Amino acid sequence: MKKITKKSINNWALGAFSVVSILFLSGCRISEVREITINVHDADVRNPSCISYMEKAIKTLPGSDYIKVKALPEESAIIVTYDAMSVGRKNLEDALAQAGFNAGEYKANEKARSTLPMSLFLEKASGKVDNE
């Protein structure tokens, strides 16, 4: 039978700590930052105020430390950078709709939309999504 010494206990503890540390660090993701494009239909994404309103709307969601919004005016869309471990695409689109913007498959909350400045929308916008 081997004699247990202070050195053997320290070696065992160091080895166990190393194994646990490796398993912990390799298996736990804290965040997964992604970028998606969301069609915002009739919003004037060339207007910096519009982007600011949209960013404020989605920053109410979890993982807002990572949320950034960039305009894609040629596509009437925005690029959203977000933490996919905290929030999903439908959450982002719904938050925009609740703030008064038509986003993805979601129609704008009319009450919220009526409080937004008309300068945030394209001139042809009537407040409703055309289903053509």
Protein backbone atom coordinates (compact mmCIF):
# COMPACT_ATOMS: atom_id res chain seq x y z
CA MET A 1 0.00 0.00 0.00
CA LYS A 2 1.29 3.40 -0.98
CA LYS A 3 1.94 5.94 1.66
CA ILE A 4 -0.23 9.07 1.32
CA THR A 5 1.88 12.17 1.48
CA LYS A 6 1.14 15.84 1.29
CA LYS A 7 2.82 15.92 -2.14
CA SER A 8 0.60 13.13 -3.53
CA ILE A 9 -2.53 14.88 -2.27
CA ASN A 10 -1.40 18.16 -3.89
CA ASN A 11 -0.68 16.37 -7.18
CA TRP A 12 -4.08 14.68 -7.13
CA ALA A 13 -5.87 17.99 -6.34
CA LEU A 14 -4.00 19.81 -9.11
CA GLY A 15 -4.89 17.08 -11.62
CA ALA A 16 -8.55 17.05 -10.60
CA PHE A 17 -8.71 20.85 -10.78
CA SER A 18 -7.18 20.80 -14.28
CA VAL A 19 -9.69 18.25 -15.57
CA VAL A 20 -12.67 20.13 -14.10
CA SER A 21 -11.39 23.44 -15.49
CA ILE A 22 -10.97 22.04 -19.00
CA LEU A 23 -14.44 20.49 -18.96
CA PHE A 24 -16.01 23.68 -17.66
CA LEU A 25 -14.30 26.00 -20.11
CA SER A 26 -14.92 23.84 -23.15
CA GLY A 27 -18.58 23.06 -22.44
CA CYS A 28 -20.04 26.37 -21.33
CA ARG A 29 -20.83 29.07 -23.83
CA ILE A 30 -21.78 32.40 -22.39
CA SER A 31 -22.97 33.97 -25.62
CA GLU A 32 -23.35 33.32 -29.32
CA VAL A 33 -23.33 36.57 -31.26
CA ARG A 34 -25.11 36.39 -34.63
CA GLU A 35 -26.23 38.74 -37.37
CA ILE A 36 -29.58 38.55 -39.16
CA THR A 37 -31.40 40.66 -41.71
CA ILE A 38 -34.94 41.76 -40.86
CA ASN A 39 -37.23 43.28 -43.48
CA VAL A 40 -38.85 46.39 -41.99
CA HIS A 41 -41.13 47.08 -44.97
CA ASP A 42 -42.13 50.74 -44.82
CA ALA A 43 -39.67 52.17 -42.29
CA ASP A 44 -37.23 54.79 -43.58
CA VAL A 45 -34.01 53.07 -42.51
CA ARG A 46 -31.99 55.88 -44.12
CA ASN A 47 -33.20 58.07 -41.27
CA PRO A 48 -30.81 57.76 -38.27
CA SER A 49 -33.72 58.49 -35.90
CA CYS A 50 -35.55 55.45 -37.29
CA ILE A 51 -32.59 53.19 -36.55
CA SER A 52 -32.34 54.71 -33.08
CA TYR A 53 -36.03 53.98 -32.35
CA MET A 54 -35.61 50.40 -33.57
CA GLU A 55 -32.48 49.86 -31.51
CA LYS A 56 -34.23 51.17 -28.38
CA ALA A 57 -37.15 48.81 -29.02
CA ILE A 58 -35.05 45.69 -29.23
CA LYS A 59 -32.63 46.67 -26.46
CA THR A 60 -35.44 45.92 -24.02
CA LEU A 61 -34.85 42.21 -24.75
CA PRO A 62 -32.41 39.92 -22.90
CA GLY A 63 -28.85 39.95 -24.22
CA SER A 64 -29.08 43.62 -25.14
CA ASP A 65 -25.36 44.13 -24.46
CA TYR A 66 -24.70 42.69 -27.91
CA ILE A 67 -27.55 44.28 -29.86
CA LYS A 68 -26.59 46.60 -32.71
CA VAL A 69 -28.69 47.74 -35.65
CA LYS A 70 -27.39 48.76 -39.09
CA ALA A 71 -29.45 50.00 -42.03
CA LEU A 72 -29.82 48.29 -45.41
CA PRO A 73 -31.79 51.01 -47.24
CA GLU A 74 -31.63 49.36 -50.66
CA GLU A 75 -33.51 46.36 -49.21
CA SER A 76 -35.80 48.17 -46.72
CA ALA A 77 -34.16 46.08 -44.07
CA ILE A 78 -31.89 46.21 -41.06
CA ILE A 79 -29.03 44.01 -39.93
CA VAL A 80 -29.30 43.14 -36.26
CA THR A 81 -26.36 41.82 -34.25
CA TYR A 82 -27.63 39.96 -31.19
CA ASP A 83 -26.89 37.22 -28.64
CA ALA A 84 -28.61 34.06 -29.91
CA MET A 85 -28.20 32.42 -26.50
CA SER A 86 -30.57 35.05 -25.04
CA VAL A 87 -33.01 35.98 -27.79
CA GLY A 88 -34.27 34.71 -31.14
CA ARG A 89 -35.28 36.21 -34.47
CA LYS A 90 -39.02 36.14 -33.71
CA ASN A 91 -38.39 37.94 -30.40
CA LEU A 92 -36.55 40.70 -32.28
CA GLU A 93 -39.27 41.03 -34.92
CA ASP A 94 -42.01 41.05 -32.27
CA ALA A 95 -40.23 43.76 -30.25
CA LEU A 96 -40.05 45.92 -33.37
CA ALA A 97 -43.73 45.30 -34.13
CA GLN A 98 -44.74 46.16 -30.56
CA ALA A 99 -42.82 49.42 -30.95
CA GLY A 100 -44.84 50.30 -34.07
CA PHE A 101 -42.79 48.94 -36.99
CA ASN A 102 -43.78 46.27 -39.52
CA ALA A 103 -41.00 43.71 -39.12
CA GLY A 104 -40.65 40.36 -40.84
CA GLU A 105 -44.00 38.56 -40.57
CA TYR A 106 -45.22 40.80 -37.75
CA LYS A 107 -47.53 43.75 -38.32
CA ALA A 108 -47.00 46.93 -36.36
CA ASN A 109 -48.90 47.58 -33.15
CA GLU A 110 -51.17 50.38 -34.43
CA LYS A 111 -51.39 52.14 -31.06
CA ALA A 112 -47.59 52.28 -30.75
CA ARG A 113 -47.24 53.25 -34.41
CA SER A 114 -49.58 56.22 -33.97
CA THR A 115 -47.20 57.68 -31.37
CA LEU A 116 -44.14 57.52 -33.66
CA PRO A 117 -43.11 60.51 -35.82
CA MET A 118 -44.19 60.08 -39.45
CA SER A 119 -40.63 60.99 -40.50
CA LEU A 120 -39.64 57.43 -39.52
CA PHE A 121 -41.66 55.99 -42.38
CA LEU A 122 -41.38 56.11 -46.16
CA GLU A 123 -43.71 58.60 -47.86
CA LYS A 124 -45.81 55.89 -49.47
CA ALA A 125 -46.43 54.30 -46.06
CA SER A 126 -50.03 54.33 -44.96
CA GLY A 127 -49.43 52.48 -41.72
CA LYS A 128 -50.55 49.14 -43.16
CA VAL A 129 -48.66 46.35 -44.88
CA ASP A 130 -49.73 45.62 -48.45
CA ASN A 131 -50.40 41.93 -48.94
CA GLU A 132 -49.63 41.96 -52.66
